[in-house]
N, C-alpha and C. Protein backbone atom coordinates (compact mmCIF):
# COMPACT_ATOMS: atom_id res chain seq x y z
N MET A 1 67.24 -49.82 -36.82
CA MET A 1 68.47 -49.09 -36.84
C MET A 1 69.39 -49.62 -38.23
N ASN A 2 70.08 -48.60 -38.86
CA ASN A 2 70.71 -49.03 -39.92
C ASN A 2 72.25 -49.39 -39.38
N LYS A 3 73.06 -49.87 -40.34
CA LYS A 3 74.33 -50.35 -39.88
C LYS A 3 75.22 -49.32 -39.20
N LYS A 4 75.14 -48.07 -39.82
CA LYS A 4 75.94 -47.00 -39.34
C LYS A 4 75.64 -46.56 -37.89
N ASP A 5 74.21 -46.64 -37.54
CA ASP A 5 73.81 -46.44 -36.21
C ASP A 5 74.33 -47.55 -35.23
N LEU A 6 74.21 -48.75 -35.68
CA LEU A 6 74.53 -49.79 -34.77
C LEU A 6 76.09 -49.69 -34.51
N ILE A 7 76.94 -49.29 -35.52
CA ILE A 7 78.30 -49.23 -35.32
C ILE A 7 78.62 -48.07 -34.30
N GLN A 8 77.88 -47.03 -34.29
CA GLN A 8 78.08 -45.87 -33.37
C GLN A 8 77.65 -46.27 -32.12
N GLN A 9 76.56 -46.99 -31.96
CA GLN A 9 76.06 -47.51 -30.55
C GLN A 9 77.05 -48.43 -30.02
N TYR A 10 77.55 -49.35 -30.71
CA TYR A 10 78.68 -50.28 -30.22
C TYR A 10 79.84 -49.49 -29.70
N LYS A 11 80.31 -48.51 -30.53
CA LYS A 11 81.39 -47.67 -29.95
C LYS A 11 81.19 -46.96 -28.73
N ALA A 12 80.02 -46.46 -28.57
CA ALA A 12 79.70 -45.69 -27.39
C ALA A 12 79.42 -46.54 -26.28
N THR A 13 79.42 -47.92 -26.40
CA THR A 13 79.08 -48.79 -25.25
C THR A 13 80.33 -48.88 -24.37
N PRO A 14 80.22 -48.63 -23.07
CA PRO A 14 81.34 -48.66 -22.16
C PRO A 14 81.93 -50.18 -22.31
N THR A 15 83.42 -50.00 -22.19
CA THR A 15 84.19 -51.35 -22.08
C THR A 15 84.72 -51.47 -20.73
N PHE A 16 84.35 -52.80 -20.13
CA PHE A 16 84.98 -53.01 -18.80
C PHE A 16 85.96 -54.13 -18.96
N TYR A 17 87.10 -53.87 -18.15
CA TYR A 17 88.14 -54.93 -17.84
C TYR A 17 87.71 -55.66 -16.71
N GLY A 18 88.25 -56.80 -16.32
CA GLY A 18 87.95 -57.37 -15.12
C GLY A 18 88.59 -58.77 -14.82
N VAL A 19 88.00 -59.35 -13.80
CA VAL A 19 88.40 -60.67 -13.44
C VAL A 19 87.21 -61.70 -13.58
N ILE A 20 87.44 -62.82 -14.16
CA ILE A 20 86.32 -63.86 -14.52
C ILE A 20 86.69 -65.09 -13.62
N GLN A 21 85.61 -65.91 -13.55
CA GLN A 21 85.87 -67.15 -13.01
C GLN A 21 85.01 -68.23 -13.91
N ILE A 22 85.50 -69.33 -13.92
CA ILE A 22 84.78 -70.49 -14.60
C ILE A 22 84.82 -71.62 -13.63
N LYS A 23 83.72 -72.03 -13.22
CA LYS A 23 83.49 -72.91 -11.99
C LYS A 23 82.82 -74.21 -12.47
N ASN A 24 83.55 -75.24 -12.03
CA ASN A 24 82.96 -76.67 -12.32
C ASN A 24 82.02 -76.85 -11.26
N ASP A 25 80.65 -76.81 -11.52
CA ASP A 25 79.69 -76.88 -10.56
C ASP A 25 79.48 -78.26 -9.87
N GLN A 26 80.12 -79.31 -10.37
CA GLN A 26 80.19 -80.56 -9.70
C GLN A 26 81.19 -80.57 -8.66
N THR A 27 82.37 -80.28 -8.93
CA THR A 27 83.55 -80.31 -7.96
C THR A 27 83.82 -79.10 -7.26
N GLY A 28 83.37 -77.95 -7.72
CA GLY A 28 83.66 -76.62 -7.10
C GLY A 28 85.08 -76.01 -7.54
N GLN A 29 85.84 -76.73 -8.34
CA GLN A 29 87.01 -76.17 -8.85
C GLN A 29 86.79 -75.13 -9.71
N THR A 30 87.74 -74.04 -9.62
CA THR A 30 87.51 -72.91 -10.35
C THR A 30 88.78 -72.47 -11.28
N PHE A 31 88.53 -71.71 -12.35
CA PHE A 31 89.69 -71.12 -13.07
C PHE A 31 89.43 -69.66 -12.98
N ILE A 32 90.50 -68.82 -12.89
CA ILE A 32 90.44 -67.53 -12.77
C ILE A 32 91.18 -66.90 -13.92
N ASP A 33 90.79 -65.90 -14.52
CA ASP A 33 91.55 -65.19 -15.56
C ASP A 33 91.11 -63.67 -15.50
N VAL A 34 91.86 -62.86 -16.25
CA VAL A 34 91.45 -61.56 -16.58
C VAL A 34 91.24 -61.35 -17.91
N ALA A 35 90.26 -60.12 -18.26
CA ALA A 35 90.14 -59.88 -19.67
C ALA A 35 90.15 -58.39 -19.85
N PRO A 36 90.67 -57.80 -20.84
CA PRO A 36 90.69 -56.41 -21.18
C PRO A 36 89.18 -55.91 -21.58
N ASN A 37 88.44 -56.93 -21.93
CA ASN A 37 87.05 -56.37 -22.49
C ASN A 37 86.16 -57.63 -22.01
N LEU A 38 85.29 -57.43 -21.16
CA LEU A 38 84.42 -58.46 -20.56
C LEU A 38 83.22 -58.95 -21.55
N HIS A 39 83.04 -58.10 -22.55
CA HIS A 39 81.87 -58.33 -23.37
C HIS A 39 82.04 -59.71 -24.23
N ASN A 40 81.19 -60.55 -24.06
CA ASN A 40 81.16 -61.94 -24.65
C ASN A 40 82.21 -62.69 -24.24
N ARG A 41 82.92 -62.46 -23.12
CA ARG A 41 84.14 -63.40 -22.87
C ARG A 41 83.64 -64.84 -22.54
N TRP A 42 82.44 -65.07 -22.04
CA TRP A 42 82.01 -66.37 -21.62
C TRP A 42 81.88 -67.19 -23.16
N GLY A 43 81.48 -66.45 -24.07
CA GLY A 43 81.42 -67.09 -25.45
C GLY A 43 82.72 -67.55 -25.97
N TYR A 44 83.71 -66.61 -25.65
CA TYR A 44 85.15 -66.83 -26.23
C TYR A 44 85.60 -68.12 -25.41
N TYR A 45 85.48 -68.20 -24.02
CA TYR A 45 85.99 -69.54 -23.38
C TYR A 45 85.20 -70.70 -23.86
N GLN A 46 83.92 -70.64 -24.10
CA GLN A 46 83.06 -71.79 -24.53
C GLN A 46 83.55 -72.27 -25.85
N THR A 47 83.79 -71.26 -26.78
CA THR A 47 84.24 -71.71 -28.07
C THR A 47 85.70 -72.51 -28.01
N ASN A 48 86.57 -71.74 -27.31
CA ASN A 48 87.86 -72.50 -26.99
C ASN A 48 87.86 -73.86 -26.38
N LEU A 49 87.03 -73.96 -25.44
CA LEU A 49 86.94 -75.30 -24.65
C LEU A 49 86.17 -76.25 -25.52
N ASN A 50 85.24 -75.96 -26.28
CA ASN A 50 84.48 -76.76 -27.28
C ASN A 50 85.40 -77.25 -28.33
N GLY A 51 86.47 -76.39 -28.65
CA GLY A 51 87.32 -76.71 -29.65
C GLY A 51 88.64 -77.40 -29.11
N ASN A 52 88.62 -77.70 -27.86
CA ASN A 52 89.70 -78.46 -27.30
C ASN A 52 91.06 -77.65 -27.34
N PHE A 53 90.91 -76.28 -27.31
CA PHE A 53 92.07 -75.43 -27.39
C PHE A 53 93.12 -75.54 -26.06
N TYR A 54 92.47 -75.72 -24.91
CA TYR A 54 93.25 -75.93 -23.70
C TYR A 54 93.72 -77.28 -23.45
N HIS A 55 94.06 -78.09 -24.54
CA HIS A 55 94.25 -79.53 -24.31
C HIS A 55 95.46 -79.61 -23.37
N ASP A 56 95.43 -80.95 -22.75
CA ASP A 56 96.23 -81.35 -21.72
C ASP A 56 96.23 -80.39 -20.41
N THR A 57 95.04 -79.71 -20.18
CA THR A 57 94.93 -79.12 -18.91
C THR A 57 93.70 -79.72 -18.10
N PRO A 58 93.83 -79.78 -16.88
CA PRO A 58 92.54 -80.24 -16.04
C PRO A 58 91.24 -79.68 -16.40
N LEU A 59 91.27 -78.41 -16.63
CA LEU A 59 90.07 -77.75 -16.97
C LEU A 59 89.50 -78.28 -18.22
N GLN A 60 90.34 -78.52 -19.23
CA GLN A 60 89.86 -78.97 -20.61
C GLN A 60 89.37 -80.42 -20.36
N GLN A 61 90.12 -81.29 -19.59
CA GLN A 61 89.71 -82.57 -19.37
C GLN A 61 88.41 -82.71 -18.67
N ASP A 62 88.31 -81.85 -17.64
CA ASP A 62 86.88 -82.01 -16.92
C ASP A 62 85.61 -81.45 -17.94
N TRP A 63 86.13 -80.45 -18.62
CA TRP A 63 84.97 -80.01 -19.61
C TRP A 63 84.64 -81.04 -20.69
N ASN A 64 85.65 -81.76 -21.17
CA ASN A 64 85.47 -82.69 -22.21
C ASN A 64 84.59 -83.88 -21.45
N ALA A 65 84.96 -84.28 -20.17
CA ALA A 65 84.32 -85.44 -19.50
C ALA A 65 82.99 -85.22 -18.97
N LEU A 66 82.73 -83.89 -18.46
CA LEU A 66 81.44 -83.58 -17.84
C LEU A 66 80.45 -82.94 -18.80
N GLY A 67 80.82 -82.18 -19.73
CA GLY A 67 80.14 -81.36 -20.54
C GLY A 67 79.99 -79.86 -20.01
N ALA A 68 79.68 -79.15 -20.89
CA ALA A 68 79.69 -77.62 -20.80
C ALA A 68 78.48 -77.21 -19.70
N ASP A 69 77.48 -78.12 -19.71
CA ASP A 69 76.38 -77.64 -18.83
C ASP A 69 76.82 -77.89 -17.34
N GLN A 70 77.97 -78.30 -17.05
CA GLN A 70 78.38 -78.52 -15.73
C GLN A 70 79.26 -77.38 -15.24
N PHE A 71 79.43 -76.46 -16.05
CA PHE A 71 80.33 -75.27 -15.67
C PHE A 71 79.48 -73.96 -15.73
N SER A 72 79.85 -72.94 -14.84
CA SER A 72 79.31 -71.80 -14.82
C SER A 72 80.27 -70.61 -14.90
N TYR A 73 79.90 -69.51 -15.27
CA TYR A 73 80.86 -68.40 -15.54
C TYR A 73 80.40 -67.15 -14.74
N SER A 74 81.33 -66.42 -14.21
CA SER A 74 80.84 -65.29 -13.52
C SER A 74 81.94 -64.23 -13.58
N VAL A 75 81.64 -63.02 -13.39
CA VAL A 75 82.60 -61.85 -13.41
C VAL A 75 82.72 -61.54 -11.80
N LEU A 76 83.85 -61.64 -11.39
CA LEU A 76 84.27 -61.41 -9.91
C LEU A 76 84.47 -59.93 -9.67
N TRP A 77 84.98 -59.15 -10.76
CA TRP A 77 85.33 -57.76 -10.49
C TRP A 77 85.56 -57.13 -11.81
N LYS A 78 84.93 -55.93 -11.95
CA LYS A 78 85.11 -55.23 -13.16
C LYS A 78 85.27 -53.74 -12.95
N LYS A 79 85.75 -53.17 -13.94
CA LYS A 79 85.92 -51.61 -13.87
C LYS A 79 86.04 -51.04 -15.25
N ASP A 80 85.52 -49.88 -15.47
CA ASP A 80 85.48 -49.16 -16.77
C ASP A 80 86.93 -49.11 -17.25
N ALA A 81 87.20 -49.48 -18.44
CA ALA A 81 88.50 -49.61 -19.05
C ALA A 81 88.96 -48.11 -19.48
N THR A 82 88.14 -47.16 -19.57
CA THR A 82 88.62 -45.92 -19.88
C THR A 82 89.30 -45.23 -18.80
N ASP A 83 89.27 -45.73 -17.65
CA ASP A 83 89.72 -45.02 -16.39
C ASP A 83 91.19 -45.62 -15.97
N VAL A 84 91.74 -46.37 -16.90
CA VAL A 84 93.17 -47.02 -16.47
C VAL A 84 94.16 -46.76 -17.49
N ASP A 85 95.38 -46.41 -17.08
CA ASP A 85 96.50 -46.33 -17.88
C ASP A 85 97.23 -47.67 -17.70
N HIS A 86 97.93 -48.04 -18.68
CA HIS A 86 98.82 -49.29 -18.68
C HIS A 86 97.85 -50.53 -18.40
N LEU A 87 97.02 -50.75 -19.18
CA LEU A 87 95.99 -51.84 -19.04
C LEU A 87 96.70 -53.21 -18.84
N ARG A 88 97.62 -53.45 -19.67
CA ARG A 88 98.16 -54.79 -19.61
C ARG A 88 98.94 -55.01 -18.29
N GLN A 89 99.54 -54.15 -17.70
CA GLN A 89 100.24 -54.26 -16.38
C GLN A 89 99.18 -54.33 -15.31
N LYS A 90 98.12 -53.60 -15.54
CA LYS A 90 97.02 -53.80 -14.45
C LYS A 90 96.40 -54.97 -14.45
N LEU A 91 96.16 -55.60 -15.62
CA LEU A 91 95.61 -57.07 -15.77
C LEU A 91 96.59 -58.06 -15.01
N ARG A 92 97.89 -57.91 -15.42
CA ARG A 92 98.84 -58.89 -14.67
C ARG A 92 98.72 -58.71 -13.22
N ASP A 93 98.67 -57.59 -12.71
CA ASP A 93 98.48 -57.39 -11.36
C ASP A 93 97.45 -57.93 -10.67
N LEU A 94 96.32 -57.62 -11.43
CA LEU A 94 94.91 -58.17 -11.03
C LEU A 94 94.90 -59.73 -10.94
N LYS A 95 95.53 -60.28 -11.98
CA LYS A 95 95.40 -61.87 -11.95
C LYS A 95 96.22 -62.37 -10.84
N ALA A 96 97.45 -61.78 -10.54
CA ALA A 96 98.39 -62.31 -9.49
C ALA A 96 97.55 -62.00 -8.22
N GLU A 97 96.96 -60.91 -8.10
CA GLU A 97 96.13 -60.76 -6.72
C GLU A 97 95.12 -61.75 -6.56
N TRP A 98 94.31 -61.97 -7.58
CA TRP A 98 93.10 -62.83 -7.42
C TRP A 98 93.61 -64.42 -7.30
N LEU A 99 94.65 -64.66 -7.94
CA LEU A 99 95.07 -66.10 -7.86
C LEU A 99 95.71 -66.25 -6.39
N ASP A 100 96.33 -65.27 -5.89
CA ASP A 100 96.83 -65.35 -4.44
C ASP A 100 95.80 -65.54 -3.53
N LYS A 101 94.67 -64.68 -3.78
CA LYS A 101 93.47 -64.61 -2.86
C LYS A 101 92.67 -65.97 -2.98
N LEU A 102 92.44 -66.46 -4.07
CA LEU A 102 91.47 -67.55 -4.27
C LEU A 102 92.21 -68.94 -4.38
N HIS A 103 93.38 -69.07 -4.89
CA HIS A 103 94.04 -70.20 -5.06
C HIS A 103 93.19 -71.27 -5.99
N PRO A 104 92.88 -70.93 -7.19
CA PRO A 104 91.89 -71.71 -8.00
C PRO A 104 92.59 -72.99 -8.42
N ALA A 105 91.80 -74.15 -8.23
CA ALA A 105 92.43 -75.37 -8.60
C ALA A 105 92.91 -75.58 -10.10
N TYR A 106 92.15 -74.95 -11.02
CA TYR A 106 92.53 -75.12 -12.46
C TYR A 106 93.70 -74.32 -12.76
N ASN A 107 94.11 -73.27 -11.98
CA ASN A 107 95.25 -72.48 -12.39
C ASN A 107 96.53 -72.96 -11.70
N GLN A 108 96.45 -74.07 -10.98
CA GLN A 108 97.53 -74.49 -10.13
C GLN A 108 98.48 -75.40 -11.06
N HIS A 109 98.01 -75.71 -12.15
CA HIS A 109 98.73 -76.71 -12.96
C HIS A 109 99.56 -76.08 -14.09
């Protein structure tokens, strides 16, 4: 495929928003967040955690102490982003709902 075809294919790919979880596989502690586009989101968090972006947080401290291989990533809920109006508000509401439902340890600080 040429570059133009690849760009068109990328634009035609559905975009999903949703709720993600990062889990410390040793302790079971979790971090919950929402994302307007789930594509490559795990890579985004890995890059930030490897770069010590979340300094002074328990998640970052555990990531630094235990290493990246002790954490897993999962999508807890997703939906096609083309079907929603006011995405920012929807994401805020989703995050509040999932934080209330799961009480993740890393979000408590």
